[in-house]
N, C-alpha and C. Protein backbone atom coordinates (compact mmCIF):
# COMPACT_ATOMS: atom_id res chain seq x y z
N MET A 1 -43.26 30.44 75.01
CA MET A 1 -42.93 31.91 74.16
C MET A 1 -42.27 32.95 75.03
N ASP A 2 -40.89 33.48 74.94
CA ASP A 2 -40.40 34.29 75.79
C ASP A 2 -40.97 35.70 75.64
N LYS A 3 -40.66 36.68 76.60
CA LYS A 3 -41.40 37.93 76.59
C LYS A 3 -41.10 38.81 75.08
N GLU A 4 -40.05 38.74 74.56
CA GLU A 4 -40.02 39.27 73.52
C GLU A 4 -40.48 38.77 72.28
N SER A 5 -40.70 37.32 72.25
CA SER A 5 -41.82 37.20 71.31
C SER A 5 -42.80 37.45 71.40
N THR A 6 -43.28 37.60 72.80
CA THR A 6 -44.88 37.93 72.98
C THR A 6 -45.04 39.34 72.54
N ILE A 7 -44.17 39.92 72.88
CA ILE A 7 -44.20 41.70 72.48
C ILE A 7 -44.20 41.82 70.96
N ILE A 8 -43.33 41.12 70.25
CA ILE A 8 -43.22 41.24 68.77
C ILE A 8 -44.41 40.62 68.39
N SER A 9 -45.30 39.62 68.57
CA SER A 9 -46.36 38.88 68.00
C SER A 9 -47.54 39.89 68.49
N ASP A 10 -47.55 40.50 69.80
CA ASP A 10 -48.49 41.11 70.00
C ASP A 10 -48.55 42.97 69.23
N ILE A 11 -47.58 43.21 68.98
CA ILE A 11 -47.48 44.28 68.42
C ILE A 11 -47.58 44.45 67.09
N ASN A 12 -47.91 44.96 66.36
CA ASN A 12 -48.18 45.06 64.93
C ASN A 12 -47.18 45.95 64.19
N PHE A 13 -45.87 45.07 64.10
CA PHE A 13 -44.63 46.33 63.52
C PHE A 13 -44.91 46.11 62.40
N SER A 14 -44.29 47.33 61.66
CA SER A 14 -44.23 47.51 60.42
C SER A 14 -43.08 46.53 59.73
N GLU A 15 -43.25 45.76 58.81
CA GLU A 15 -42.71 44.76 58.15
C GLU A 15 -40.87 45.06 58.35
N ARG A 16 -40.97 46.40 57.88
CA ARG A 16 -39.36 46.58 57.85
C ARG A 16 -38.67 46.80 59.25
N PHE A 17 -39.51 46.76 60.11
CA PHE A 17 -39.09 47.00 61.55
C PHE A 17 -39.00 45.27 62.04
N ARG A 18 -39.84 44.79 61.72
CA ARG A 18 -39.99 43.30 62.39
C ARG A 18 -38.48 42.58 62.33
N PRO A 19 -37.63 42.32 61.70
CA PRO A 19 -36.32 41.84 61.26
C PRO A 19 -35.61 42.18 63.01
N PHE A 20 -35.39 43.76 63.03
CA PHE A 20 -34.69 44.19 64.25
C PHE A 20 -35.13 43.55 65.12
N ALA A 21 -36.86 43.79 65.63
CA ALA A 21 -37.29 43.36 66.98
C ALA A 21 -36.84 42.01 67.05
N ARG A 22 -37.08 41.11 66.35
CA ARG A 22 -36.63 39.77 66.35
C ARG A 22 -35.45 39.36 66.75
N ALA A 23 -34.18 40.10 66.42
CA ALA A 23 -32.95 39.93 66.51
C ALA A 23 -32.52 40.85 67.89
N ASN A 24 -32.86 41.88 68.22
CA ASN A 24 -32.61 42.29 69.23
C ASN A 24 -33.66 42.82 70.38
N GLY A 25 -33.44 41.48 71.10
CA GLY A 25 -34.82 41.62 72.46
C GLY A 25 -34.60 42.77 73.52
N GLU A 26 -33.05 43.21 73.73
CA GLU A 26 -32.30 44.49 74.86
C GLU A 26 -33.19 45.85 73.93
N GLY A 27 -32.56 45.75 72.83
CA GLY A 27 -33.01 47.09 72.04
C GLY A 27 -34.27 47.27 72.14
N LEU A 28 -35.24 46.13 71.78
CA LEU A 28 -36.72 46.36 71.66
C LEU A 28 -37.44 46.82 72.97
N ARG A 29 -36.75 46.41 74.28
CA ARG A 29 -36.94 46.78 75.52
C ARG A 29 -36.65 48.52 75.70
N GLU A 30 -35.88 48.66 75.04
CA GLU A 30 -35.44 50.23 75.21
C GLU A 30 -35.87 51.00 74.11
N LEU A 31 -36.50 50.45 73.05
CA LEU A 31 -37.36 51.47 71.91
C LEU A 31 -38.82 51.59 72.56
N ILE A 32 -38.89 50.64 73.25
CA ILE A 32 -40.61 50.85 73.62
C ILE A 32 -40.45 51.46 74.96
N ALA A 33 -39.81 51.32 75.70
CA ALA A 33 -39.19 52.58 76.59
C ALA A 33 -39.53 53.77 76.60
N LEU A 34 -38.70 54.10 75.16
CA LEU A 34 -38.48 55.28 74.57
C LEU A 34 -39.78 55.96 73.92
N PHE A 35 -40.25 54.98 73.24
CA PHE A 35 -41.62 54.95 72.78
C PHE A 35 -42.60 55.57 74.01
N LEU A 36 -42.78 55.39 74.94
CA LEU A 36 -43.51 55.52 75.91
C LEU A 36 -43.60 56.71 76.53
N ARG A 37 -42.12 56.87 76.86
CA ARG A 37 -41.78 58.28 77.45
C ARG A 37 -42.16 59.17 76.45
N THR A 38 -41.38 59.18 75.44
CA THR A 38 -41.73 60.72 74.09
C THR A 38 -43.07 60.54 73.94
N MET A 39 -44.13 59.44 73.94
CA MET A 39 -45.27 59.63 73.90
C MET A 39 -46.01 60.49 74.52
N THR A 40 -45.31 60.23 75.96
CA THR A 40 -46.36 60.93 76.87
C THR A 40 -45.92 62.29 76.81
N GLU A 41 -44.57 63.03 76.61
CA GLU A 41 -44.25 64.11 76.47
C GLU A 41 -45.11 64.92 75.25
N HIS A 42 -45.19 64.10 74.22
CA HIS A 42 -45.66 64.51 73.02
C HIS A 42 -47.39 64.83 73.34
N LEU A 43 -47.73 63.91 73.99
CA LEU A 43 -49.44 64.55 74.14
C LEU A 43 -49.73 65.78 75.27
N GLU A 44 -48.49 65.69 76.26
CA GLU A 44 -48.56 67.14 77.33
C GLU A 44 -48.31 68.06 76.34
N GLU A 45 -47.36 67.95 75.45
CA GLU A 45 -46.90 69.38 74.62
C GLU A 45 -48.24 69.57 73.66
N LEU A 46 -48.69 68.60 72.98
CA LEU A 46 -49.81 68.95 72.33
C LEU A 46 -51.00 69.60 73.07
N ASP A 47 -51.25 69.03 74.22
CA ASP A 47 -52.44 69.78 74.90
C ASP A 47 -51.96 71.11 75.26
N ARG A 48 -50.75 71.58 75.68
CA ARG A 48 -50.43 72.32 75.64
C ARG A 48 -50.59 73.48 74.73
N ALA A 49 -50.54 73.30 73.43
CA ALA A 49 -50.28 73.60 72.45
C ALA A 49 -51.26 74.22 71.65
N ALA A 50 -52.20 73.29 72.09
CA ALA A 50 -53.81 73.36 71.66
C ALA A 50 -54.47 74.36 72.50
N GLU A 51 -54.39 74.30 73.87
CA GLU A 51 -54.71 75.35 74.63
C GLU A 51 -54.31 76.48 74.29
N ALA A 52 -53.14 76.85 74.07
CA ALA A 52 -52.60 77.95 73.63
C ALA A 52 -52.97 78.30 72.19
N GLY A 53 -53.75 77.61 71.28
CA GLY A 53 -54.06 78.04 69.92
C GLY A 53 -52.84 78.08 69.09
N ASP A 54 -51.86 77.38 69.07
CA ASP A 54 -50.56 77.41 68.14
C ASP A 54 -50.69 76.25 67.36
N ALA A 55 -51.66 76.52 66.15
CA ALA A 55 -51.49 75.81 65.51
C ALA A 55 -50.32 75.00 64.76
N LYS A 56 -49.15 75.70 64.37
CA LYS A 56 -48.01 75.47 63.90
C LYS A 56 -47.15 74.48 64.67
N ALA A 57 -47.36 74.59 66.22
CA ALA A 57 -46.73 73.51 67.07
C ALA A 57 -47.44 72.40 67.21
N VAL A 58 -48.93 72.73 67.03
CA VAL A 58 -49.67 71.17 67.07
C VAL A 58 -49.44 70.45 66.09
N GLU A 59 -49.34 71.19 64.77
CA GLU A 59 -49.05 70.53 63.70
C GLU A 59 -47.36 69.89 63.68
N ARG A 60 -46.65 70.34 63.94
CA ARG A 60 -45.18 69.83 64.14
C ARG A 60 -45.27 68.74 65.36
N ILE A 61 -45.91 68.79 66.14
CA ILE A 61 -45.75 67.75 67.24
C ILE A 61 -46.68 66.81 66.82
N ALA A 62 -47.87 66.92 66.45
CA ALA A 62 -48.62 65.74 65.91
C ALA A 62 -47.93 64.87 64.83
N HIS A 63 -47.11 65.66 63.98
CA HIS A 63 -46.23 64.78 62.73
C HIS A 63 -45.44 63.93 63.51
N LYS A 64 -44.40 64.78 64.51
CA LYS A 64 -43.03 64.11 64.96
C LYS A 64 -43.72 62.81 65.72
N ALA A 65 -45.00 62.92 66.52
CA ALA A 65 -45.59 61.70 67.14
C ALA A 65 -46.33 60.83 66.57
N ALA A 66 -46.70 60.98 65.06
CA ALA A 66 -47.41 60.01 64.13
C ALA A 66 -46.64 58.91 64.20
N GLY A 67 -45.37 59.28 63.53
CA GLY A 67 -44.51 58.36 62.75
C GLY A 67 -44.08 57.05 63.98
N PRO A 68 -43.45 57.01 64.81
CA PRO A 68 -43.33 55.97 65.91
C PRO A 68 -44.93 55.33 66.18
N CYS A 69 -46.01 55.96 66.20
CA CYS A 69 -47.08 55.38 66.21
C CYS A 69 -47.44 54.02 65.13
N ASP A 70 -47.02 54.39 63.70
CA ASP A 70 -46.94 53.52 62.81
C ASP A 70 -45.93 52.62 62.89
N MET A 71 -44.84 52.86 63.19
CA MET A 71 -43.83 51.93 63.55
C MET A 71 -43.80 50.74 64.07
N PHE A 72 -44.80 51.28 65.35
CA PHE A 72 -45.15 50.07 66.24
C PHE A 72 -46.45 49.58 65.89
N GLY A 73 -47.09 49.79 64.66
CA GLY A 73 -48.16 49.24 64.34
C GLY A 73 -49.51 49.89 65.42
N PHE A 74 -49.31 51.14 65.99
CA PHE A 74 -50.54 51.48 66.41
C PHE A 74 -50.97 52.36 65.83
N HIS A 75 -51.87 52.05 64.69
CA HIS A 75 -52.43 52.81 63.43
C HIS A 75 -53.50 53.58 64.08
N ASP A 76 -54.50 52.92 64.97
CA ASP A 76 -55.22 54.09 65.55
C ASP A 76 -54.98 55.32 66.17
N LEU A 77 -54.02 55.56 66.70
CA LEU A 77 -53.42 56.23 67.74
C LEU A 77 -52.60 57.28 66.47
N ALA A 78 -51.76 56.75 65.43
CA ALA A 78 -51.46 57.60 64.42
C ALA A 78 -52.19 57.68 63.45
N GLY A 79 -53.37 57.41 63.21
CA GLY A 79 -54.37 57.88 62.79
C GLY A 79 -55.35 59.37 63.24
N LEU A 80 -55.22 59.27 64.53
CA LEU A 80 -55.81 60.71 65.37
C LEU A 80 -54.73 61.61 65.41
N LEU A 81 -53.66 61.12 65.61
CA LEU A 81 -52.47 62.20 65.32
C LEU A 81 -52.21 62.72 64.10
N SER A 82 -52.50 62.05 62.78
CA SER A 82 -52.64 62.72 61.28
C SER A 82 -53.73 63.44 61.32
N GLU A 83 -54.63 63.07 61.60
CA GLU A 83 -55.89 63.87 61.53
C GLU A 83 -55.85 65.09 62.29
N LEU A 84 -55.03 65.37 63.34
CA LEU A 84 -54.72 66.64 64.41
C LEU A 84 -53.78 67.26 63.39
N GLU A 85 -52.76 66.85 62.99
CA GLU A 85 -51.60 67.22 62.25
C GLU A 85 -52.33 68.08 60.79
N GLN A 86 -53.01 67.46 60.17
CA GLN A 86 -53.93 67.86 58.96
C GLN A 86 -54.77 69.06 59.21
N SER A 87 -55.59 68.72 60.23
CA SER A 87 -56.61 70.02 60.73
C SER A 87 -55.65 71.28 61.29
N SER A 88 -54.63 70.92 62.09
CA SER A 88 -53.99 72.19 62.27
C SER A 88 -53.15 72.83 61.24
N ALA A 89 -52.46 71.94 60.16
CA ALA A 89 -52.26 72.73 59.17
C ALA A 89 -52.89 73.43 58.29
N ARG A 90 -54.10 73.37 58.54
CA ARG A 90 -55.08 74.39 57.93
C ARG A 90 -55.61 75.54 58.99
N GLY A 91 -54.84 75.29 59.82
CA GLY A 91 -55.09 76.59 61.01
C GLY A 91 -56.28 76.37 61.62
N ASP A 92 -57.18 74.97 61.64
CA ASP A 92 -58.14 74.57 62.43
C ASP A 92 -58.05 73.52 63.28
N LEU A 93 -58.27 74.49 64.92
CA LEU A 93 -58.14 73.93 66.07
C LEU A 93 -59.35 73.81 66.73
N THR A 94 -60.50 73.93 66.10
CA THR A 94 -61.45 73.58 66.81
C THR A 94 -61.76 72.08 67.04
N GLU A 95 -61.20 71.36 66.75
CA GLU A 95 -61.19 69.92 67.31
C GLU A 95 -59.92 69.43 67.86
N ALA A 96 -58.94 70.25 68.06
CA ALA A 96 -57.89 69.83 68.89
C ALA A 96 -57.86 69.12 69.66
N ARG A 97 -58.64 69.97 70.80
CA ARG A 97 -58.57 69.47 72.13
C ARG A 97 -59.24 68.03 72.36
N GLY A 98 -60.23 67.87 71.03
CA GLY A 98 -60.89 66.75 71.31
C GLY A 98 -59.89 65.58 70.66
N LEU A 99 -59.17 65.87 69.92
CA LEU A 99 -58.12 64.64 69.14
C LEU A 99 -57.38 64.44 70.06
N VAL A 100 -56.82 65.34 70.95
CA VAL A 100 -55.97 65.13 71.64
C VAL A 100 -56.18 64.28 72.85
N GLU A 101 -57.25 64.49 73.45
CA GLU A 101 -58.12 63.45 74.34
C GLU A 101 -58.35 62.31 73.71
N LYS A 102 -58.77 62.15 72.64
CA LYS A 102 -58.86 60.63 71.91
C LYS A 102 -57.62 59.89 71.87
N ALA A 103 -56.72 60.68 71.40
CA ALA A 103 -55.35 60.02 71.31
C ALA A 103 -54.51 59.68 72.76
N ARG A 104 -54.65 60.73 73.90
CA ARG A 104 -54.59 60.08 74.83
C ARG A 104 -55.19 58.80 75.37
N GLY A 105 -56.31 58.75 75.07
CA GLY A 105 -57.18 57.55 75.66
C GLY A 105 -56.71 56.26 74.97
N GLU A 106 -56.64 56.73 73.72
CA GLU A 106 -55.96 55.37 72.81
C GLU A 106 -54.57 55.00 73.35
N PHE A 107 -53.86 56.15 73.60
CA PHE A 107 -52.26 55.67 74.36
C PHE A 107 -52.51 55.03 75.67
N ASP A 108 -53.29 55.40 76.41
CA ASP A 108 -53.81 55.02 77.95
C ASP A 108 -54.29 53.50 77.88
N ARG A 109 -55.02 53.21 76.48
CA ARG A 109 -55.26 51.70 76.29
C ARG A 109 -54.21 50.70 76.06
N ILE A 110 -53.38 51.09 75.14
CA ILE A 110 -52.26 50.23 74.82
C ILE A 110 -50.87 50.38 75.51
N ARG A 111 -50.72 51.22 76.66
CA ARG A 111 -49.63 51.55 77.08
C ARG A 111 -49.35 50.66 78.71
N PRO A 112 -50.39 50.18 79.20
CA PRO A 112 -50.37 49.34 80.38
C PRO A 112 -49.53 47.90 79.98
N ARG A 113 -49.69 47.48 78.72
CA ARG A 113 -49.06 46.31 78.08
C ARG A 113 -47.79 46.02 78.12
N TRP A 114 -47.21 47.67 78.04
CA TRP A 114 -45.66 47.54 77.85
C TRP A 114 -44.73 48.18 78.77
N ASN A 115 -45.63 48.60 79.79
CA ASN A 115 -44.66 49.02 80.77
C ASN A 115 -44.01 47.87 81.67
C-alpha cells in the first residue's frame, strides 16, 4: 500500500472528501500540511484569547478550527472545539483553558502520524 492509500485509510475522511483524497495524492499532502500548520496557529490563538478573557474571539477561533477537524475525521478534536465554541458563545470561559489544553493534547496525539 502506498503512502497516500495508508493516509486515506488511517484518516476517517468525511465521505464527501474521500474521492478527492483518492484522486489527488499531492493535494492531499498539501492539505494535511496546511491543516497541521493552521491547527497549531488556532490552538495558540485560542490559548491567548482564553487567557485574555475574550469570549467572542474564543468562539470565532474554535468555530473556525472545528470544521477542518471534522473534514479529516478527527471527531474527538472537533467535539472539544465545538464544546469550547458553545460555552464561549454563552460568555462562559470557566472551562476554556482546560478545553484548549484537552484539544492541544488530542492534536498532539494525532499530529506525529502526519508530519
